[in-house]
Amino acid sequence: MRSKPINPVSLSVPHLLKRYGIENVIAPLETRTGQLWSALEGYEATLYPFVEGRSAMRAGMSPGQWLELAAAIDPGS
């Protein structure tokens, strides 16, 4: 929920990345009409899937997992 207008690019880019198979992206879910957000009583509403987990620093990641995270953040690394 936002009281300010949503920047469509901030939703469409992660949505397209997910659509093209980039699994490490948390993208907004589409509404029943295929939109990425909806106006709701003076607010802009966006829905994301629930992701259960812990932060990488608390969970303790293996060296391979850190490399995968780095590749997701910077594909050229």
PDB file of N, CA and C in Angstrom:
ATOM      1  N   MET A   1       0.844  -1.158   0.000  1.00  0.00           N
ATOM      2  CA  MET A   1       0.000   0.000   0.000  1.00  0.00           C
ATOM      3  C   MET A   1       0.894   1.225   0.000  1.00  0.00           C
ATOM      4  N   ARG A   2       0.602   2.125  -0.917  1.00  0.00           N
ATOM      5  CA  ARG A   2       1.328   3.397  -1.006  1.00  0.00           C
ATOM      6  C   ARG A   2       0.336   4.525  -1.172  1.00  0.00           C
ATOM      7  N   SER A   3       0.622   5.635  -0.535  1.00  0.00           N
ATOM      8  CA  SER A   3      -0.228   6.802  -0.730  1.00  0.00           C
ATOM      9  C   SER A   3       0.269   7.635  -1.905  1.00  0.00           C
ATOM     10  N   LYS A   4       1.486   7.386  -2.334  1.00  0.00           N
ATOM     11  CA  LYS A   4       2.066   8.090  -3.484  1.00  0.00           C
ATOM     12  C   LYS A   4       1.912   7.220  -4.729  1.00  0.00           C
ATOM     13  N   PRO A   5       1.908   7.833  -5.909  1.00  0.00           N
ATOM     14  CA  PRO A   5       1.791   7.038  -7.135  1.00  0.00           C
ATOM     15  C   PRO A   5       2.958   6.055  -7.291  1.00  0.00           C
ATOM     16  N   ILE A   6       2.662   4.924  -7.867  1.00  0.00           N
ATOM     17  CA  ILE A   6       3.671   3.889  -8.114  1.00  0.00           C
ATOM     18  C   ILE A   6       4.405   4.202  -9.405  1.00  0.00           C
ATOM     19  N   ASN A   7       5.720   3.971  -9.399  1.00  0.00           N
ATOM     20  CA  ASN A   7       6.506   4.062 -10.621  1.00  0.00           C
ATOM     21  C   ASN A   7       6.345   2.716 -11.340  1.00  0.00           C
ATOM     22  N   PRO A   8       5.657   2.684 -12.477  1.00  0.00           N
ATOM     23  CA  PRO A   8       5.401   1.405 -13.160  1.00  0.00           C
ATOM     24  C   PRO A   8       6.659   0.596 -13.471  1.00  0.00           C
ATOM     25  N   VAL A   9       7.768   1.273 -13.726  1.00  0.00           N
ATOM     26  CA  VAL A   9       9.015   0.569 -14.047  1.00  0.00           C
ATOM     27  C   VAL A   9       9.485  -0.263 -12.864  1.00  0.00           C
ATOM     28  N   SER A  10       9.260   0.233 -11.636  1.00  0.00           N
ATOM     29  CA  SER A  10       9.716  -0.502 -10.454  1.00  0.00           C
ATOM     30  C   SER A  10       8.972  -1.821 -10.275  1.00  0.00           C
ATOM     31  N   LEU A  11       7.846  -1.981 -10.938  1.00  0.00           N
ATOM     32  CA  LEU A  11       7.097  -3.238 -10.884  1.00  0.00           C
ATOM     33  C   LEU A  11       7.268  -4.052 -12.161  1.00  0.00           C
ATOM     34  N   SER A  12       7.312  -3.385 -13.299  1.00  0.00           N
ATOM     35  CA  SER A  12       7.375  -4.122 -14.564  1.00  0.00           C
ATOM     36  C   SER A  12       8.725  -4.782 -14.796  1.00  0.00           C
ATOM     37  N   VAL A  13       9.814  -4.159 -14.356  1.00  0.00           N
ATOM     38  CA  VAL A  13      11.135  -4.774 -14.566  1.00  0.00           C
ATOM     39  C   VAL A  13      11.260  -6.096 -13.809  1.00  0.00           C
ATOM     40  N   PRO A  14      10.995  -6.141 -12.494  1.00  0.00           N
ATOM     41  CA  PRO A  14      11.076  -7.450 -11.828  1.00  0.00           C
ATOM     42  C   PRO A  14      10.076  -8.461 -12.390  1.00  0.00           C
ATOM     43  N   HIS A  15       8.902  -7.990 -12.783  1.00  0.00           N
ATOM     44  CA  HIS A  15       7.900  -8.890 -13.360  1.00  0.00           C
ATOM     45  C   HIS A  15       8.422  -9.524 -14.652  1.00  0.00           C
ATOM     46  N   LEU A  16       9.025  -8.727 -15.518  1.00  0.00           N
ATOM     47  CA  LEU A  16       9.564  -9.255 -16.779  1.00  0.00           C
ATOM     48  C   LEU A  16      10.757 -10.174 -16.536  1.00  0.00           C
ATOM     49  N   LEU A  17      11.618  -9.815 -15.587  1.00  0.00           N
ATOM     50  CA  LEU A  17      12.757 -10.689 -15.285  1.00  0.00           C
ATOM     51  C   LEU A  17      12.265 -12.058 -14.826  1.00  0.00           C
ATOM     52  N   LYS A  18      11.267 -12.070 -13.964  1.00  0.00           N
ATOM     53  CA  LYS A  18      10.699 -13.338 -13.485  1.00  0.00           C
ATOM     54  C   LYS A  18      10.058 -14.107 -14.634  1.00  0.00           C
ATOM     55  N   ARG A  19       9.343 -13.394 -15.480  1.00  0.00           N
ATOM     56  CA  ARG A  19       8.671 -14.015 -16.623  1.00  0.00           C
ATOM     57  C   ARG A  19       9.674 -14.680 -17.571  1.00  0.00           C
ATOM     58  N   TYR A  20      10.873 -14.084 -17.681  1.00  0.00           N
ATOM     59  CA  TYR A  20      11.899 -14.637 -18.561  1.00  0.00           C
ATOM     60  C   TYR A  20      12.818 -15.626 -17.856  1.00  0.00           C
ATOM     61  N   GLY A  21      12.412 -16.092 -16.681  1.00  0.00           N
ATOM     62  CA  GLY A  21      13.109 -17.197 -16.047  1.00  0.00           C
ATOM     63  C   GLY A  21      14.156 -16.848 -15.016  1.00  0.00           C
ATOM     64  N   ILE A  22      14.279 -15.589 -14.639  1.00  0.00           N
ATOM     65  CA  ILE A  22      15.224 -15.224 -13.585  1.00  0.00           C
ATOM     66  C   ILE A  22      14.557 -15.558 -12.254  1.00  0.00           C
ATOM     67  N   GLU A  23      14.954 -16.668 -11.660  1.00  0.00           N
ATOM     68  CA  GLU A  23      14.273 -17.192 -10.481  1.00  0.00           C
ATOM     69  C   GLU A  23      14.578 -16.428  -9.198  1.00  0.00           C
ATOM     70  N   ASN A  24      15.682 -15.693  -9.154  1.00  0.00           N
ATOM     71  CA  ASN A  24      16.079 -15.015  -7.921  1.00  0.00           C
ATOM     72  C   ASN A  24      15.441 -13.638  -7.764  1.00  0.00           C
ATOM     73  N   VAL A  25      14.359 -13.398  -8.477  1.00  0.00           N
ATOM     74  CA  VAL A  25      13.663 -12.116  -8.415  1.00  0.00           C
ATOM     75  C   VAL A  25      12.316 -12.313  -7.727  1.00  0.00           C
ATOM     76  N   ILE A  26      12.003 -11.439  -6.796  1.00  0.00           N
ATOM     77  CA  ILE A  26      10.679 -11.457  -6.172  1.00  0.00           C
ATOM     78  C   ILE A  26       9.862 -10.397  -6.896  1.00  0.00           C
ATOM     79  N   ALA A  27       8.939 -10.850  -7.706  1.00  0.00           N
ATOM     80  CA  ALA A  27       8.158  -9.959  -8.561  1.00  0.00           C
ATOM     81  C   ALA A  27       6.730  -9.829  -8.042  1.00  0.00           C
ATOM     82  N   PRO A  28       6.100  -8.694  -8.326  1.00  0.00           N
ATOM     83  CA  PRO A  28       4.705  -8.533  -7.908  1.00  0.00           C
ATOM     84  C   PRO A  28       3.792  -9.502  -8.641  1.00  0.00           C
ATOM     85  N   LEU A  29       2.731  -9.892  -7.970  1.00  0.00           N
ATOM     86  CA  LEU A  29       1.730 -10.762  -8.593  1.00  0.00           C
ATOM     87  C   LEU A  29       0.763  -9.917  -9.404  1.00  0.00           C
ATOM     88  N   GLU A  30       0.240 -10.491 -10.468  1.00  0.00           N
ATOM     89  CA  GLU A  30      -0.740  -9.785 -11.291  1.00  0.00           C
ATOM     90  C   GLU A  30      -2.116  -9.818 -10.636  1.00  0.00           C
ATOM     91  N   THR A  31      -2.894  -8.768 -10.890  1.00  0.00           N
ATOM     92  CA  THR A  31      -4.280  -8.756 -10.457  1.00  0.00           C
ATOM     93  C   THR A  31      -5.086  -9.666 -11.391  1.00  0.00           C
ATOM     94  N   ARG A  32      -6.348  -9.832 -11.112  1.00  0.00           N
ATOM     95  CA  ARG A  32      -7.209 -10.653 -11.976  1.00  0.00           C
ATOM     96  C   ARG A  32      -7.285 -10.107 -13.394  1.00  0.00           C
ATOM     97  N   THR A  33      -7.050  -8.803 -13.535  1.00  0.00           N
ATOM     98  CA  THR A  33      -7.101  -8.186 -14.871  1.00  0.00           C
ATOM     99  C   THR A  33      -5.725  -8.059 -15.501  1.00  0.00           C
ATOM    100  N   GLY A  34      -4.700  -8.648 -14.886  1.00  0.00           N
ATOM    101  CA  GLY A  34      -3.361  -8.649 -15.450  1.00  0.00           C
ATOM    102  C   GLY A  34      -2.510  -7.441 -15.110  1.00  0.00           C
ATOM    103  N   GLN A  35      -2.962  -6.595 -14.204  1.00  0.00           N
ATOM    104  CA  GLN A  35      -2.196  -5.414 -13.793  1.00  0.00           C
ATOM    105  C   GLN A  35      -1.253  -5.784 -12.651  1.00  0.00           C
ATOM    106  N   LEU A  36      -0.225  -4.955 -12.444  1.00  0.00           N
ATOM    107  CA  LEU A  36       0.730  -5.199 -11.366  1.00  0.00           C
ATOM    108  C   LEU A  36       0.409  -4.410 -10.107  1.00  0.00           C
ATOM    109  N   TRP A  37      -0.568  -3.534 -10.184  1.00  0.00           N
ATOM    110  CA  TRP A  37      -1.042  -2.801  -9.013  1.00  0.00           C
ATOM    111  C   TRP A  37      -2.481  -2.382  -9.253  1.00  0.00           C
ATOM    112  N   SER A  38      -3.104  -1.925  -8.192  1.00  0.00           N
ATOM    113  CA  SER A  38      -4.497  -1.524  -8.283  1.00  0.00           C
ATOM    114  C   SER A  38      -4.741  -0.350  -7.347  1.00  0.00           C
ATOM    115  N   ALA A  39      -5.620   0.549  -7.763  1.00  0.00           N
ATOM    116  CA  ALA A  39      -6.016   1.656  -6.896  1.00  0.00           C
ATOM    117  C   ALA A  39      -7.007   1.119  -5.873  1.00  0.00           C
ATOM    118  N   LEU A  40      -6.825   1.545  -4.620  1.00  0.00           N
ATOM    119  CA  LEU A  40      -7.679   1.055  -3.553  1.00  0.00           C
ATOM    120  C   LEU A  40      -7.883   2.163  -2.522  1.00  0.00           C
ATOM    121  N   GLU A  41      -9.039   2.811  -2.584  1.00  0.00           N
ATOM    122  CA  GLU A  41      -9.414   3.845  -1.625  1.00  0.00           C
ATOM    123  C   GLU A  41      -8.325   4.891  -1.413  1.00  0.00           C
ATOM    124  N   GLY A  42      -7.834   5.467  -2.491  1.00  0.00           N
ATOM    125  CA  GLY A  42      -6.823   6.515  -2.400  1.00  0.00           C
ATOM    126  C   GLY A  42      -5.398   6.023  -2.281  1.00  0.00           C
ATOM    127  N   TYR A  43      -5.179   4.721  -2.322  1.00  0.00           N
ATOM    128  CA  TYR A  43      -3.853   4.130  -2.243  1.00  0.00           C
ATOM    129  C   TYR A  43      -3.579   3.322  -3.495  1.00  0.00           C
ATOM    130  N   GLU A  44      -2.311   3.013  -3.699  1.00  0.00           N
ATOM    131  CA  GLU A  44      -1.902   2.084  -4.748  1.00  0.00           C
ATOM    132  C   GLU A  44      -1.492   0.791  -4.043  1.00  0.00           C
ATOM    133  N   ALA A  45      -2.097  -0.318  -4.423  1.00  0.00           N
ATOM    134  CA  ALA A  45      -1.823  -1.597  -3.770  1.00  0.00           C
ATOM    135  C   ALA A  45      -1.089  -2.537  -4.716  1.00  0.00           C
ATOM    136  N   THR A  46      -0.065  -3.168  -4.191  1.00  0.00           N
ATOM    137  CA  THR A  46       0.709  -4.164  -4.929  1.00  0.00           C
ATOM    138  C   THR A  46       0.835  -5.391  -4.037  1.00  0.00           C
ATOM    139  N   LEU A  47       0.709  -6.564  -4.626  1.00  0.00           N
ATOM    140  CA  LEU A  47       0.801  -7.799  -3.861  1.00  0.00           C
ATOM    141  C   LEU A  47       2.010  -8.608  -4.329  1.00  0.00           C
ATOM    142  N   TYR A  48       2.798  -9.053  -3.359  1.00  0.00           N
ATOM    143  CA  TYR A  48       3.968  -9.886  -3.638  1.00  0.00           C
ATOM    144  C   TYR A  48       3.753 -11.259  -3.016  1.00  0.00           C
ATOM    145  N   PRO A  49       4.389 -12.286  -3.567  1.00  0.00           N
ATOM    146  CA  PRO A  49       4.278 -13.609  -2.941  1.00  0.00           C
ATOM    147  C   PRO A  49       4.989 -13.602  -1.583  1.00  0.00           C
ATOM    148  N   PHE A  50       4.483 -14.408  -0.674  1.00  0.00           N
ATOM    149  CA  PHE A  50       5.121 -14.540   0.631  1.00  0.00           C
ATOM    150  C   PHE A  50       6.375 -15.383   0.470  1.00  0.00           C
ATOM    151  N   VAL A  51       7.462 -14.899   1.034  1.00  0.00           N
ATOM    152  CA  VAL A  51       8.725 -15.634   0.987  1.00  0.00           C
ATOM    153  C   VAL A  51       9.181 -15.822   2.426  1.00  0.00           C
ATOM    154  N   GLU A  52       9.172 -17.057   2.864  1.00  0.00           N
ATOM    155  CA  GLU A  52       9.631 -17.344   4.223  1.00  0.00           C
ATOM    156  C   GLU A  52      11.127 -17.579   4.188  1.00  0.00           C
ATOM    157  N   GLY A  53      11.810 -16.973   5.094  1.00  0.00           N
ATOM    158  CA  GLY A  53      13.255 -17.188   5.123  1.00  0.00           C
ATOM    159  C   GLY A  53      13.937 -16.314   6.150  1.00  0.00           C
ATOM    160  N   ARG A  54      15.235 -16.406   6.171  1.00  0.00           N
ATOM    161  CA  ARG A  54      16.061 -15.611   7.072  1.00  0.00           C
ATOM    162  C   ARG A  54      17.065 -14.832   6.224  1.00  0.00           C
ATOM    163  N   SER A  55      17.631 -13.800   6.806  1.00  0.00           N
ATOM    164  CA  SER A  55      18.644 -13.041   6.076  1.00  0.00           C
ATOM    165  C   SER A  55      19.868 -13.929   5.852  1.00  0.00           C
ATOM    166  N   ALA A  56      20.586 -13.652   4.812  1.00  0.00           N
ATOM    167  CA  ALA A  56      21.777 -14.443   4.489  1.00  0.00           C
ATOM    168  C   ALA A  56      22.801 -14.377   5.613  1.00  0.00           C
ATOM    169  N   MET A  57      22.911 -13.237   6.250  1.00  0.00           N
ATOM    170  CA  MET A  57      23.894 -13.089   7.326  1.00  0.00           C
ATOM    171  C   MET A  57      23.534 -13.952   8.530  1.00  0.00           C
ATOM    172  N   ARG A  58      22.252 -14.110   8.818  1.00  0.00           N
ATOM    173  CA  ARG A  58      21.839 -14.920   9.969  1.00  0.00           C
ATOM    174  C   ARG A  58      21.805 -16.414   9.643  1.00  0.00           C
ATOM    175  N   ALA A  59      21.446 -16.757   8.430  1.00  0.00           N
ATOM    176  CA  ALA A  59      21.282 -18.162   8.066  1.00  0.00           C
ATOM    177  C   ALA A  59      22.616 -18.860   7.894  1.00  0.00           C
ATOM    178  N   GLY A  60      23.625 -18.117   7.514  1.00  0.00           N
ATOM    179  CA  GLY A  60      24.911 -18.729   7.227  1.00  0.00           C
ATOM    180  C   GLY A  60      24.860 -19.437   5.882  1.00  0.00           C
ATOM    181  N   MET A  61      25.527 -18.884   4.914  1.00  0.00           N
ATOM    182  CA  MET A  61      25.475 -19.453   3.560  1.00  0.00           C
ATOM    183  C   MET A  61      26.802 -20.112   3.220  1.00  0.00           C
ATOM    184  N   SER A  62      26.707 -21.126   2.384  1.00  0.00           N
ATOM    185  CA  SER A  62      27.906 -21.813   1.921  1.00  0.00           C
ATOM    186  C   SER A  62      28.620 -20.919   0.903  1.00  0.00           C
ATOM    187  N   PRO A  63      29.888 -21.183   0.610  1.00  0.00           N
ATOM    188  CA  PRO A  63      30.581 -20.406  -0.418  1.00  0.00           C
ATOM    189  C   PRO A  63      29.852 -20.442  -1.773  1.00  0.00           C
ATOM    190  N   GLY A  64      29.290 -21.590  -2.112  1.00  0.00           N
ATOM    191  CA  GLY A  64      28.548 -21.699  -3.370  1.00  0.00           C
ATOM    192  C   GLY A  64      27.304 -20.823  -3.391  1.00  0.00           C
ATOM    193  N   GLN A  65      26.625 -20.742  -2.243  1.00  0.00           N
ATOM    194  CA  GLN A  65      25.440 -19.890  -2.162  1.00  0.00           C
ATOM    195  C   GLN A  65      25.809 -18.413  -2.269  1.00  0.00           C
ATOM    196  N   TRP A  66      26.945 -18.028  -1.672  1.00  0.00           N
ATOM    197  CA  TRP A  66      27.394 -16.637  -1.801  1.00  0.00           C
ATOM    198  C   TRP A  66      27.710 -16.318  -3.262  1.00  0.00           C
ATOM    199  N   LEU A  67      28.315 -17.262  -3.975  1.00  0.00           N
ATOM    200  CA  LEU A  67      28.612 -17.046  -5.400  1.00  0.00           C
ATOM    201  C   LEU A  67      27.339 -16.918  -6.202  1.00  0.00           C
ATOM    202  N   GLU A  68      26.329 -17.720  -5.887  1.00  0.00           N
ATOM    203  CA  GLU A  68      25.051 -17.629  -6.584  1.00  0.00           C
ATOM    204  C   GLU A  68      24.376 -16.281  -6.313  1.00  0.00           C
ATOM    205  N   LEU A  69      24.453 -15.817  -5.074  1.00  0.00           N
ATOM    206  CA  LEU A  69      23.897 -14.506  -4.737  1.00  0.00           C
ATOM    207  C   LEU A  69      24.632 -13.404  -5.494  1.00  0.00           C
ATOM    208  N   ALA A  70      25.940 -13.472  -5.543  1.00  0.00           N
ATOM    209  CA  ALA A  70      26.723 -12.474  -6.267  1.00  0.00           C
ATOM    210  C   ALA A  70      26.356 -12.473  -7.749  1.00  0.00           C
ATOM    211  N   ALA A  71      26.170 -13.645  -8.329  1.00  0.00           N
ATOM    212  CA  ALA A  71      25.805 -13.737  -9.742  1.00  0.00           C
ATOM    213  C   ALA A  71      24.417 -13.166  -9.998  1.00  0.00           C
ATOM    214  N   ALA A  72      23.512 -13.320  -9.043  1.00  0.00           N
ATOM    215  CA  ALA A  72      22.153 -12.777  -9.196  1.00  0.00           C
ATOM    216  C   ALA A  72      22.188 -11.251  -9.123  1.00  0.00           C
ATOM    217  N   ILE A  73      23.038 -10.707  -8.274  1.00  0.00           N
ATOM    218  CA  ILE A  73      23.146  -9.265  -8.115  1.00  0.00           C
ATOM    219  C   ILE A  73      23.919  -8.648  -9.269  1.00  0.00           C
ATOM    220  N   ASP A  74      25.005  -9.290  -9.664  1.00  0.00           N
ATOM    221  CA  ASP A  74      25.858  -8.780 -10.744  1.00  0.00           C
ATOM    222  C   ASP A  74      26.186  -9.923 -11.682  1.00  0.00           C
ATOM    223  N   PRO A  75      25.355 -10.133 -12.714  1.00  0.00           N
ATOM    224  CA  PRO A  75      25.554 -11.263 -13.627  1.00  0.00           C
ATOM    225  C   PRO A  75      26.916 -11.292 -14.303  1.00  0.00           C
ATOM    226  N   GLY A  76      27.638 -10.176 -14.330  1.00  0.00           N
ATOM    227  CA  GLY A  76      28.950 -10.145 -14.950  1.00  0.00           C
ATOM    228  C   GLY A  76      30.073 -10.590 -14.032  1.00  0.00           C
ATOM    229  N   SER A  77      29.734 -10.931 -12.790  1.00  0.00           N
ATOM    230  CA  SER A  77      30.785 -11.316 -11.830  1.00  0.00           C
ATOM    231  C   SER A  77      31.205 -12.751 -12.001  1.00  0.00           C
TER     232      SER A  77
END
